[in-house]
Amino acid sequence: MDKVHPAIPASRSRWLKGSYYFFNLLLPLSETRRIATVSARPWRTLIHRIQGRCQKKSTVKPVTTSLSWQEAVNASGLTPSQLDKQYRTSKQRWCWVLFTPVVLIGILMAMLLLNATPLPLMVWLKASLFSVLLLSVSAWGFTRALCCEYRRWQLREKRVSPVERGEFRYFLEETAWIKNTLKRH
């Protein structure tokens, strides 16, 4: 038997139940409500994680101790010439990562241009996408080579700390950083 609320007549109860199911077919409110309640929890968790990681900046700057050039070299456990050699070889490796995709893109474009007329548009799209991928690898190599050049500049100039003006912005201001990064030595 149907359980009927004592305040609602049986015919009205059937009509309300039938209209509820009918409108639920047109606009599934109960499923939408259930999905909203179930999916809201992970979003709240994500927002709490983001807020925990991205704390608002306080007006008080934390005191950081930075090493002087000599202390930094001593902490590395290597001599300045060993560090320079290490950064130079690392820079050369990253320059290979920088220049190899550029050469591959040149070869790819030359091959495509030699056979330009019979190639369908999809081949050109795939080649373009592959070229963008190779350019991103090349940009990655450039940034890593730039980091190595920055460390070599710090070694040459014997400046590491902010007091010694050894920060990255001073490197960018005082040097021809693109030219130095692309040079072989």
N, C-alpha and C. Protein backbone atom coordinates (compact mmCIF):
# COMPACT_ATOMS: atom_id res chain seq x y z
N MET A 1 0.82 -1.17 0.00
CA MET A 1 0.00 0.00 0.00
C MET A 1 0.86 1.23 0.00
N ASP A 2 0.30 2.25 -0.63
CA ASP A 2 1.01 3.53 -0.66
C ASP A 2 0.88 4.21 0.69
N LYS A 3 2.00 4.71 1.13
CA LYS A 3 1.97 5.51 2.35
C LYS A 3 1.61 6.93 1.95
N VAL A 4 0.58 7.44 2.48
CA VAL A 4 0.08 8.77 2.15
C VAL A 4 0.22 9.64 3.39
N HIS A 5 0.69 10.85 3.14
CA HIS A 5 0.79 11.79 4.24
C HIS A 5 -0.61 12.11 4.74
N PRO A 6 -0.84 12.14 6.03
CA PRO A 6 -2.21 12.32 6.53
C PRO A 6 -2.83 13.65 6.15
N ALA A 7 -2.01 14.68 5.92
CA ALA A 7 -2.58 15.99 5.61
C ALA A 7 -2.90 16.12 4.13
N ILE A 8 -2.35 15.28 3.25
CA ILE A 8 -2.56 15.38 1.82
C ILE A 8 -3.49 14.27 1.38
N PRO A 9 -4.56 14.59 0.63
CA PRO A 9 -5.44 13.53 0.13
C PRO A 9 -4.71 12.61 -0.84
N ALA A 10 -5.19 11.39 -0.98
CA ALA A 10 -4.53 10.37 -1.80
C ALA A 10 -4.45 10.77 -3.26
N SER A 11 -5.51 11.37 -3.83
CA SER A 11 -5.49 11.75 -5.25
C SER A 11 -4.47 12.87 -5.50
N ARG A 12 -4.37 13.79 -4.57
CA ARG A 12 -3.39 14.88 -4.73
C ARG A 12 -1.97 14.34 -4.58
N SER A 13 -1.81 13.38 -3.69
CA SER A 13 -0.51 12.77 -3.49
C SER A 13 -0.03 12.08 -4.76
N ARG A 14 -0.93 11.36 -5.43
CA ARG A 14 -0.56 10.70 -6.70
C ARG A 14 -0.22 11.73 -7.75
N TRP A 15 -0.98 12.82 -7.79
CA TRP A 15 -0.73 13.86 -8.78
C TRP A 15 0.64 14.52 -8.53
N LEU A 16 0.97 14.79 -7.26
CA LEU A 16 2.28 15.38 -6.93
C LEU A 16 3.41 14.42 -7.28
N LYS A 17 3.22 13.15 -6.97
CA LYS A 17 4.25 12.16 -7.27
C LYS A 17 4.43 12.02 -8.78
N GLY A 18 3.32 11.98 -9.52
CA GLY A 18 3.39 11.86 -10.98
C GLY A 18 4.03 13.09 -11.60
N SER A 19 3.66 14.27 -11.11
CA SER A 19 4.26 15.50 -11.68
C SER A 19 5.75 15.57 -11.34
N TYR A 20 6.13 15.09 -10.16
CA TYR A 20 7.54 15.07 -9.79
C TYR A 20 8.33 14.20 -10.77
N TYR A 21 7.84 13.01 -11.07
CA TYR A 21 8.54 12.12 -12.00
C TYR A 21 8.52 12.69 -13.42
N PHE A 22 7.42 13.32 -13.83
CA PHE A 22 7.33 13.91 -15.16
C PHE A 22 8.35 15.04 -15.32
N PHE A 23 8.38 15.95 -14.36
CA PHE A 23 9.33 17.06 -14.44
C PHE A 23 10.77 16.59 -14.26
N ASN A 24 10.94 15.51 -13.55
CA ASN A 24 12.28 14.96 -13.39
C ASN A 24 12.78 14.37 -14.70
N LEU A 25 11.87 13.90 -15.56
CA LEU A 25 12.29 13.44 -16.88
C LEU A 25 12.71 14.61 -17.76
N LEU A 26 11.98 15.71 -17.70
CA LEU A 26 12.31 16.88 -18.51
C LEU A 26 13.56 17.58 -17.99
N LEU A 27 13.63 17.76 -16.71
CA LEU A 27 14.75 18.45 -16.08
C LEU A 27 15.15 17.64 -14.86
N PRO A 28 16.16 16.80 -14.98
CA PRO A 28 16.49 15.87 -13.89
C PRO A 28 17.08 16.60 -12.68
N LEU A 29 16.21 17.14 -11.87
CA LEU A 29 16.65 17.93 -10.73
C LEU A 29 17.28 17.08 -9.64
N SER A 30 16.75 15.91 -9.38
CA SER A 30 17.31 15.11 -8.29
C SER A 30 18.72 14.64 -8.64
N GLU A 31 18.94 14.22 -9.90
CA GLU A 31 20.28 13.81 -10.30
C GLU A 31 21.23 15.00 -10.32
N THR A 32 20.74 16.14 -10.78
CA THR A 32 21.58 17.34 -10.80
C THR A 32 21.96 17.74 -9.39
N ARG A 33 21.02 17.67 -8.47
CA ARG A 33 21.30 18.01 -7.08
C ARG A 33 22.32 17.03 -6.49
N ARG A 34 22.17 15.75 -6.79
CA ARG A 34 23.09 14.74 -6.28
C ARG A 34 24.49 14.95 -6.87
N ILE A 35 24.57 15.23 -8.15
CA ILE A 35 25.87 15.47 -8.78
C ILE A 35 26.53 16.71 -8.19
N ALA A 36 25.73 17.75 -7.95
CA ALA A 36 26.29 18.98 -7.38
C ALA A 36 26.83 18.75 -5.98
N THR A 37 26.12 17.98 -5.17
CA THR A 37 26.60 17.75 -3.81
C THR A 37 27.82 16.83 -3.80
N VAL A 38 27.86 15.87 -4.69
CA VAL A 38 29.00 14.95 -4.73
C VAL A 38 30.24 15.63 -5.31
N SER A 39 30.06 16.43 -6.37
CA SER A 39 31.21 17.04 -7.02
C SER A 39 31.69 18.31 -6.34
N ALA A 40 30.93 18.86 -5.43
CA ALA A 40 31.36 20.08 -4.75
C ALA A 40 32.49 19.82 -3.77
N ARG A 41 32.50 18.64 -3.16
CA ARG A 41 33.52 18.32 -2.17
C ARG A 41 34.93 18.35 -2.74
N PRO A 42 35.23 17.72 -3.89
CA PRO A 42 36.59 17.82 -4.43
C PRO A 42 36.99 19.25 -4.80
N TRP A 43 36.02 20.04 -5.27
CA TRP A 43 36.35 21.43 -5.60
C TRP A 43 36.70 22.21 -4.35
N ARG A 44 35.96 21.98 -3.26
CA ARG A 44 36.29 22.66 -2.01
C ARG A 44 37.67 22.24 -1.52
N THR A 45 37.97 20.95 -1.63
CA THR A 45 39.28 20.45 -1.23
C THR A 45 40.38 21.10 -2.06
N LEU A 46 40.16 21.21 -3.37
CA LEU A 46 41.14 21.84 -4.24
C LEU A 46 41.35 23.30 -3.88
N ILE A 47 40.28 24.01 -3.59
CA ILE A 47 40.40 25.42 -3.22
C ILE A 47 41.16 25.57 -1.91
N HIS A 48 40.90 24.69 -0.95
CA HIS A 48 41.64 24.75 0.31
C HIS A 48 43.12 24.45 0.09
N ARG A 49 43.43 23.51 -0.79
CA ARG A 49 44.84 23.22 -1.08
C ARG A 49 45.53 24.41 -1.73
N ILE A 50 44.84 25.03 -2.68
CA ILE A 50 45.42 26.20 -3.36
C ILE A 50 45.63 27.33 -2.36
N GLN A 51 44.67 27.56 -1.50
CA GLN A 51 44.82 28.62 -0.50
C GLN A 51 45.96 28.30 0.46
N GLY A 52 46.16 27.05 0.75
CA GLY A 52 47.26 26.67 1.64
C GLY A 52 48.62 26.85 1.00
N ARG A 53 48.70 26.61 -0.29
CA ARG A 53 49.99 26.75 -0.98
C ARG A 53 50.28 28.19 -1.37
N CYS A 54 49.26 28.93 -1.70
CA CYS A 54 49.43 30.31 -2.12
C CYS A 54 49.02 31.24 -0.99
N GLN A 55 49.82 31.31 0.02
CA GLN A 55 49.51 32.18 1.14
C GLN A 55 49.63 33.63 0.70
N LYS A 56 48.80 34.45 1.28
CA LYS A 56 48.88 35.87 0.97
C LYS A 56 50.19 36.43 1.52
N LYS A 57 50.77 37.35 0.78
CA LYS A 57 52.04 37.92 1.19
C LYS A 57 51.83 38.81 2.41
N SER A 58 52.70 38.62 3.34
CA SER A 58 52.62 39.47 4.52
C SER A 58 53.43 40.73 4.28
N THR A 59 53.15 41.74 5.06
CA THR A 59 53.87 43.00 4.89
C THR A 59 55.28 42.92 5.45
N VAL A 60 55.51 41.99 6.35
CA VAL A 60 56.83 41.82 6.94
C VAL A 60 57.63 40.87 6.07
N LYS A 61 58.78 41.32 5.60
CA LYS A 61 59.62 40.46 4.78
C LYS A 61 60.41 39.52 5.67
N PRO A 62 60.44 38.24 5.31
CA PRO A 62 61.25 37.32 6.11
C PRO A 62 62.74 37.62 5.90
N VAL A 63 63.47 37.47 6.94
CA VAL A 63 64.91 37.72 6.87
C VAL A 63 65.57 36.47 6.32
N THR A 64 66.23 36.62 5.18
CA THR A 64 66.93 35.49 4.58
C THR A 64 68.42 35.78 4.62
N THR A 65 69.13 34.78 4.95
CA THR A 65 70.58 34.94 4.96
C THR A 65 71.10 34.42 3.64
N SER A 66 71.88 35.23 2.97
CA SER A 66 72.46 34.80 1.71
C SER A 66 73.96 34.70 1.88
N LEU A 67 74.49 33.75 1.18
CA LEU A 67 75.92 33.51 1.29
C LEU A 67 76.70 34.50 0.42
N SER A 68 77.89 34.81 0.86
CA SER A 68 78.76 35.61 0.00
C SER A 68 79.36 34.68 -1.06
N TRP A 69 80.10 35.26 -1.98
CA TRP A 69 80.66 34.46 -3.07
C TRP A 69 81.58 33.38 -2.53
N GLN A 70 82.47 33.75 -1.62
CA GLN A 70 83.43 32.79 -1.08
C GLN A 70 82.73 31.69 -0.29
N GLU A 71 81.72 32.06 0.48
CA GLU A 71 80.98 31.05 1.25
C GLU A 71 80.22 30.09 0.32
N ALA A 72 79.69 30.63 -0.77
CA ALA A 72 78.97 29.78 -1.72
C ALA A 72 79.91 28.80 -2.41
N VAL A 73 81.09 29.27 -2.78
CA VAL A 73 82.07 28.39 -3.42
C VAL A 73 82.52 27.32 -2.43
N ASN A 74 82.77 27.71 -1.19
CA ASN A 74 83.17 26.73 -0.18
C ASN A 74 82.06 25.71 0.09
N ALA A 75 80.82 26.16 0.07
CA ALA A 75 79.70 25.26 0.31
C ALA A 75 79.53 24.25 -0.82
N SER A 76 79.95 24.61 -2.02
CA SER A 76 79.82 23.67 -3.15
C SER A 76 80.82 22.53 -3.06
N GLY A 77 81.95 22.77 -2.41
CA GLY A 77 82.96 21.73 -2.28
C GLY A 77 83.86 21.62 -3.50
N LEU A 78 83.72 22.53 -4.46
CA LEU A 78 84.55 22.52 -5.67
C LEU A 78 85.29 23.84 -5.78
N THR A 79 86.34 23.84 -6.57
CA THR A 79 87.06 25.09 -6.82
C THR A 79 86.31 25.89 -7.88
N PRO A 80 86.58 27.19 -7.98
CA PRO A 80 85.91 27.98 -9.02
C PRO A 80 86.17 27.49 -10.44
N SER A 81 87.37 26.99 -10.70
CA SER A 81 87.65 26.47 -12.05
C SER A 81 86.86 25.19 -12.32
N GLN A 82 86.71 24.33 -11.31
CA GLN A 82 85.90 23.12 -11.48
C GLN A 82 84.43 23.47 -11.70
N LEU A 83 83.94 24.45 -10.95
CA LEU A 83 82.56 24.88 -11.13
C LEU A 83 82.35 25.47 -12.53
N ASP A 84 83.32 26.28 -12.98
CA ASP A 84 83.20 26.87 -14.31
C ASP A 84 83.20 25.80 -15.39
N LYS A 85 84.04 24.80 -15.24
CA LYS A 85 84.08 23.70 -16.22
C LYS A 85 82.77 22.93 -16.20
N GLN A 86 82.25 22.69 -15.00
CA GLN A 86 80.99 21.96 -14.87
C GLN A 86 79.85 22.74 -15.54
N TYR A 87 79.75 24.04 -15.29
CA TYR A 87 78.69 24.84 -15.89
C TYR A 87 78.90 25.01 -17.40
N ARG A 88 80.16 25.06 -17.85
CA ARG A 88 80.42 25.18 -19.28
C ARG A 88 79.98 23.92 -20.03
N THR A 89 80.30 22.74 -19.48
CA THR A 89 79.88 21.51 -20.15
C THR A 89 78.36 21.35 -20.10
N SER A 90 77.76 21.75 -18.99
CA SER A 90 76.30 21.69 -18.89
C SER A 90 75.67 22.64 -19.90
N LYS A 91 76.26 23.82 -20.06
CA LYS A 91 75.74 24.77 -21.03
C LYS A 91 75.87 24.22 -22.45
N GLN A 92 76.96 23.55 -22.76
CA GLN A 92 77.13 22.97 -24.09
C GLN A 92 76.09 21.89 -24.35
N ARG A 93 75.79 21.08 -23.36
CA ARG A 93 74.74 20.07 -23.52
C ARG A 93 73.39 20.72 -23.80
N TRP A 94 73.08 21.76 -23.04
CA TRP A 94 71.80 22.42 -23.23
C TRP A 94 71.75 23.18 -24.56
N CYS A 95 72.90 23.63 -25.03
CA CYS A 95 72.92 24.27 -26.35
C CYS A 95 72.62 23.25 -27.45
N TRP A 96 73.04 21.99 -27.24
CA TRP A 96 72.65 20.94 -28.19
C TRP A 96 71.14 20.77 -28.18
N VAL A 97 70.56 20.80 -27.00
CA VAL A 97 69.10 20.71 -26.89
C VAL A 97 68.44 21.92 -27.55
N LEU A 98 69.13 23.06 -27.50
CA LEU A 98 68.61 24.27 -28.10
C LEU A 98 68.67 24.22 -29.63
N PHE A 99 69.80 23.81 -30.18
CA PHE A 99 70.00 23.91 -31.63
C PHE A 99 69.51 22.70 -32.42
N THR A 100 69.48 21.53 -31.84
CA THR A 100 69.05 20.34 -32.58
C THR A 100 67.60 20.44 -33.08
N PRO A 101 66.64 20.86 -32.27
CA PRO A 101 65.28 21.00 -32.81
C PRO A 101 65.17 22.05 -33.92
N VAL A 102 65.96 23.11 -33.82
CA VAL A 102 65.93 24.14 -34.86
C VAL A 102 66.41 23.56 -36.20
N VAL A 103 67.46 22.75 -36.15
CA VAL A 103 67.95 22.10 -37.37
C VAL A 103 66.91 21.12 -37.90
N LEU A 104 66.28 20.37 -37.02
CA LEU A 104 65.25 19.43 -37.46
C LEU A 104 64.07 20.15 -38.10
N ILE A 105 63.69 21.29 -37.56
CA ILE A 105 62.60 22.07 -38.15
C ILE A 105 63.01 22.56 -39.54
N GLY A 106 64.25 22.99 -39.68
CA GLY A 106 64.73 23.41 -41.01
C GLY A 106 64.68 22.28 -42.02
N ILE A 107 65.11 21.10 -41.61
CA ILE A 107 65.06 19.94 -42.52
C ILE A 107 63.62 19.58 -42.86
N LEU A 108 62.75 19.58 -41.87
CA LEU A 108 61.34 19.27 -42.09
C LEU A 108 60.69 20.25 -43.07
N MET A 109 60.94 21.53 -42.87
CA MET A 109 60.35 22.53 -43.75
C MET A 109 60.91 22.43 -45.18
N ALA A 110 62.20 22.14 -45.29
CA ALA A 110 62.79 21.97 -46.62
C ALA A 110 62.15 20.78 -47.34
N MET A 111 61.95 19.68 -46.62
CA MET A 111 61.32 18.51 -47.24
C MET A 111 59.89 18.80 -47.66
N LEU A 112 59.18 19.54 -46.81
CA LEU A 112 57.79 19.87 -47.15
C LEU A 112 57.70 20.83 -48.33
N LEU A 113 58.60 21.78 -48.39
CA LEU A 113 58.55 22.76 -49.48
C LEU A 113 58.97 22.15 -50.82
N LEU A 114 59.82 21.13 -50.79
CA LEU A 114 60.20 20.46 -52.04
C LEU A 114 59.04 19.67 -52.62
N ASN A 115 58.12 19.21 -51.78
CA ASN A 115 56.95 18.46 -52.23
C ASN A 115 55.67 19.20 -51.88
N ALA A 116 55.62 20.49 -52.12
CA ALA A 116 54.52 21.31 -51.60
C ALA A 116 53.19 21.03 -52.27
N THR A 117 53.15 20.82 -53.56
CA THR A 117 51.86 20.72 -54.25
C THR A 117 51.07 19.46 -53.93
N PRO A 118 51.66 18.25 -53.89
CA PRO A 118 50.81 17.08 -53.68
C PRO A 118 50.44 16.81 -52.22
N LEU A 119 50.91 17.62 -51.30
CA LEU A 119 50.66 17.32 -49.89
C LEU A 119 49.30 17.85 -49.43
N PRO A 120 48.55 17.03 -48.72
CA PRO A 120 47.25 17.50 -48.20
C PRO A 120 47.45 18.45 -47.01
N LEU A 121 46.39 19.12 -46.67
CA LEU A 121 46.42 20.09 -45.59
C LEU A 121 46.75 19.43 -44.25
N MET A 122 46.31 18.22 -44.03
CA MET A 122 46.56 17.53 -42.76
C MET A 122 48.06 17.34 -42.52
N VAL A 123 48.82 17.09 -43.57
CA VAL A 123 50.27 16.94 -43.42
C VAL A 123 50.88 18.27 -42.97
N TRP A 124 50.40 19.37 -43.52
CA TRP A 124 50.91 20.69 -43.13
C TRP A 124 50.54 21.00 -41.68
N LEU A 125 49.34 20.61 -41.27
CA LEU A 125 48.94 20.83 -39.89
C LEU A 125 49.79 20.00 -38.92
N LYS A 126 50.02 18.75 -39.27
CA LYS A 126 50.85 17.90 -38.42
C LYS A 126 52.28 18.42 -38.35
N ALA A 127 52.81 18.88 -39.48
CA ALA A 127 54.16 19.44 -39.49
C ALA A 127 54.24 20.71 -38.66
N SER A 128 53.19 21.52 -38.71
CA SER A 128 53.16 22.74 -37.90
C SER A 128 53.12 22.42 -36.42
N LEU A 129 52.29 21.46 -36.05
CA LEU A 129 52.20 21.06 -34.65
C LEU A 129 53.53 20.48 -34.16
N PHE A 130 54.15 19.66 -34.99
CA PHE A 130 55.45 19.08 -34.63
C PHE A 130 56.51 20.18 -34.51
N SER A 131 56.44 21.19 -35.36
CA SER A 131 57.39 22.30 -35.29
C SER A 131 57.21 23.10 -34.00
N VAL A 132 55.97 23.31 -33.60
CA VAL A 132 55.72 24.01 -32.34
C VAL A 132 56.26 23.20 -31.16
N LEU A 133 56.09 21.89 -31.21
CA LEU A 133 56.63 21.02 -30.18
C LEU A 133 58.15 21.12 -30.13
N LEU A 134 58.78 21.08 -31.28
CA LEU A 134 60.24 21.19 -31.33
C LEU A 134 60.72 22.55 -30.86
N LEU A 135 59.97 23.60 -31.19
CA LEU A 135 60.35 24.94 -30.72
C LEU A 135 60.24 25.04 -29.19
N SER A 136 59.27 24.37 -28.61
CA SER A 136 59.16 24.39 -27.15
C SER A 136 60.34 23.65 -26.51
N VAL A 137 60.79 22.57 -27.11
CA VAL A 137 61.98 21.87 -26.61
C VAL A 137 63.20 22.78 -26.75
N SER A 138 63.27 23.50 -27.85
CA SER A 138 64.37 24.43 -28.07
C SER A 138 64.35 25.56 -27.04
N ALA A 139 63.18 26.07 -26.72
CA ALA A 139 63.08 27.13 -25.70
C ALA A 139 63.49 26.61 -24.33
N TRP A 140 63.15 25.36 -24.04
CA TRP A 140 63.58 24.74 -22.79
C TRP A 140 65.10 24.68 -22.73
N GLY A 141 65.73 24.28 -23.83
CA GLY A 141 67.18 24.24 -23.88
C GLY A 141 67.80 25.61 -23.70
N PHE A 142 67.16 26.64 -24.28
CA PHE A 142 67.67 28.00 -24.13
C PHE A 142 67.62 28.46 -22.69
N THR A 143 66.51 28.19 -22.01
CA THR A 143 66.41 28.65 -20.62
C THR A 143 67.41 27.93 -19.72
N ARG A 144 67.64 26.67 -19.96
CA ARG A 144 68.63 25.94 -19.16
C ARG A 144 70.04 26.43 -19.46
N ALA A 145 70.33 26.71 -20.74
CA ALA A 145 71.65 27.26 -21.08
C ALA A 145 71.81 28.66 -20.48
N LEU A 146 70.74 29.42 -20.43
CA LEU A 146 70.78 30.75 -19.81
C LEU A 146 71.09 30.64 -18.32
N CYS A 147 70.52 29.66 -17.64
CA CYS A 147 70.82 29.45 -16.22
C CYS A 147 72.30 29.11 -16.02
N CYS A 148 72.84 28.29 -16.89
CA CYS A 148 74.27 27.94 -16.79
C CYS A 148 75.14 29.16 -17.05
N GLU A 149 74.76 29.98 -18.01
CA GLU A 149 75.53 31.20 -18.29
C GLU A 149 75.45 32.17 -17.11
N TYR A 150 74.32 32.24 -16.48
CA TYR A 150 74.16 33.09 -15.29
C TYR A 150 75.09 32.62 -14.17
N ARG A 151 75.15 31.33 -13.94
CA ARG A 151 76.04 30.80 -12.90
C ARG A 151 77.51 31.06 -13.26
N ARG A 152 77.85 30.94 -14.52
CA ARG A 152 79.23 31.25 -14.94
C ARG A 152 79.54 32.73 -14.75
N TRP A 153 78.57 33.60 -15.01
CA TRP A 153 78.76 35.03 -14.78
C TRP A 153 79.00 35.30 -13.30
N GLN A 154 78.23 34.62 -12.44
CA GLN A 154 78.44 34.79 -11.00
C GLN A 154 79.84 34.36 -10.60
N LEU A 155 80.35 33.30 -11.20
CA LEU A 155 81.70 32.85 -10.89
C LEU A 155 82.75 33.84 -11.39
N ARG A 156 82.58 34.35 -12.62
CA ARG A 156 83.55 35.29 -13.18
C ARG A 156 83.57 36.61 -12.41
N GLU A 157 82.40 37.11 -12.07
CA GLU A 157 82.29 38.41 -11.42
C GLU A 157 82.44 38.32 -9.90
N LYS A 158 82.44 37.11 -9.37
CA LYS A 158 82.54 36.87 -7.93
C LYS A 158 81.44 37.61 -7.17
N ARG A 159 80.21 37.45 -7.67
CA ARG A 159 79.05 38.09 -7.05
C ARG A 159 77.93 37.06 -6.98
N VAL A 160 77.41 36.86 -5.77
CA VAL A 160 76.33 35.90 -5.59
C VAL A 160 75.15 36.52 -4.86
N SER A 161 75.43 37.20 -3.79
CA SER A 161 74.37 37.71 -2.91
C SER A 161 73.77 39.01 -3.44
N PRO A 162 72.61 39.39 -2.93
CA PRO A 162 72.02 40.68 -3.33
C PRO A 162 72.91 41.87 -2.96
N VAL A 163 73.65 41.75 -1.87
CA VAL A 163 74.55 42.83 -1.47
C VAL A 163 75.66 43.00 -2.50
N GLU A 164 76.13 41.89 -3.05
CA GLU A 164 77.19 41.92 -4.07
C GLU A 164 76.65 42.19 -5.47
N ARG A 165 75.33 42.37 -5.60
CA ARG A 165 74.65 42.57 -6.87
C ARG A 165 74.86 41.37 -7.80
N GLY A 166 74.62 40.20 -7.24
CA GLY A 166 74.79 38.98 -8.01
C GLY A 166 73.49 38.31 -8.40
N GLU A 167 72.38 39.04 -8.32
CA GLU A 167 71.08 38.47 -8.65
C GLU A 167 70.89 38.42 -10.16
N PHE A 168 69.86 37.69 -10.57
CA PHE A 168 69.60 37.46 -11.99
C PHE A 168 69.30 38.76 -12.74
N ARG A 169 68.59 39.68 -12.10
CA ARG A 169 68.26 40.93 -12.78
C ARG A 169 69.50 41.74 -13.09
N TYR A 170 70.53 41.69 -12.23
CA TYR A 170 71.78 42.40 -12.51
C TYR A 170 72.51 41.74 -13.68
N PHE A 171 72.42 40.42 -13.74
CA PHE A 171 72.99 39.70 -14.88
C PHE A 171 72.35 40.16 -16.18
N LEU A 172 71.02 40.28 -16.18
CA LEU A 172 70.32 40.71 -17.39
C LEU A 172 70.65 42.16 -17.75
N GLU A 173 70.81 43.01 -16.75
CA GLU A 173 71.10 44.42 -17.01
C GLU A 173 72.52 44.64 -17.51
N GLU A 174 73.47 43.91 -16.99
CA GLU A 174 74.88 44.21 -17.23
C GLU A 174 75.52 43.43 -18.37
N THR A 175 74.86 42.43 -18.88
CA THR A 175 75.48 41.62 -19.92
C THR A 175 74.61 41.56 -21.16
N ALA A 176 75.23 41.14 -22.25
CA ALA A 176 74.48 40.81 -23.47
C ALA A 176 74.10 39.34 -23.34
N TRP A 177 73.07 39.07 -22.57
CA TRP A 177 72.78 37.71 -22.13
C TRP A 177 72.36 36.78 -23.25
N ILE A 178 71.66 37.29 -24.27
CA ILE A 178 71.27 36.42 -25.39
C ILE A 178 72.52 36.00 -26.16
N LYS A 179 73.36 36.97 -26.47
CA LYS A 179 74.59 36.69 -27.22
C LYS A 179 75.50 35.75 -26.44
N ASN A 180 75.65 36.00 -25.14
CA ASN A 180 76.53 35.13 -24.33
C ASN A 180 75.97 33.73 -24.20
N THR A 181 74.65 33.60 -24.15
CA THR A 181 74.06 32.27 -24.02
C THR A 181 74.23 31.47 -25.31
N LEU A 182 74.13 32.14 -26.45
CA LEU A 182 74.24 31.44 -27.73
C LEU A 182 75.67 31.18 -28.15
N LYS A 183 76.64 31.82 -27.50
CA LYS A 183 78.05 31.56 -27.82
C LYS A 183 78.44 30.17 -27.39
N ARG A 184 79.47 29.66 -28.05
CA ARG A 184 79.92 28.30 -27.74
C ARG A 184 80.65 28.23 -26.41
N HIS A 185 81.46 29.19 -26.07
CA HIS A 185 82.26 29.11 -24.84
C HIS A 185 81.65 29.86 -23.71
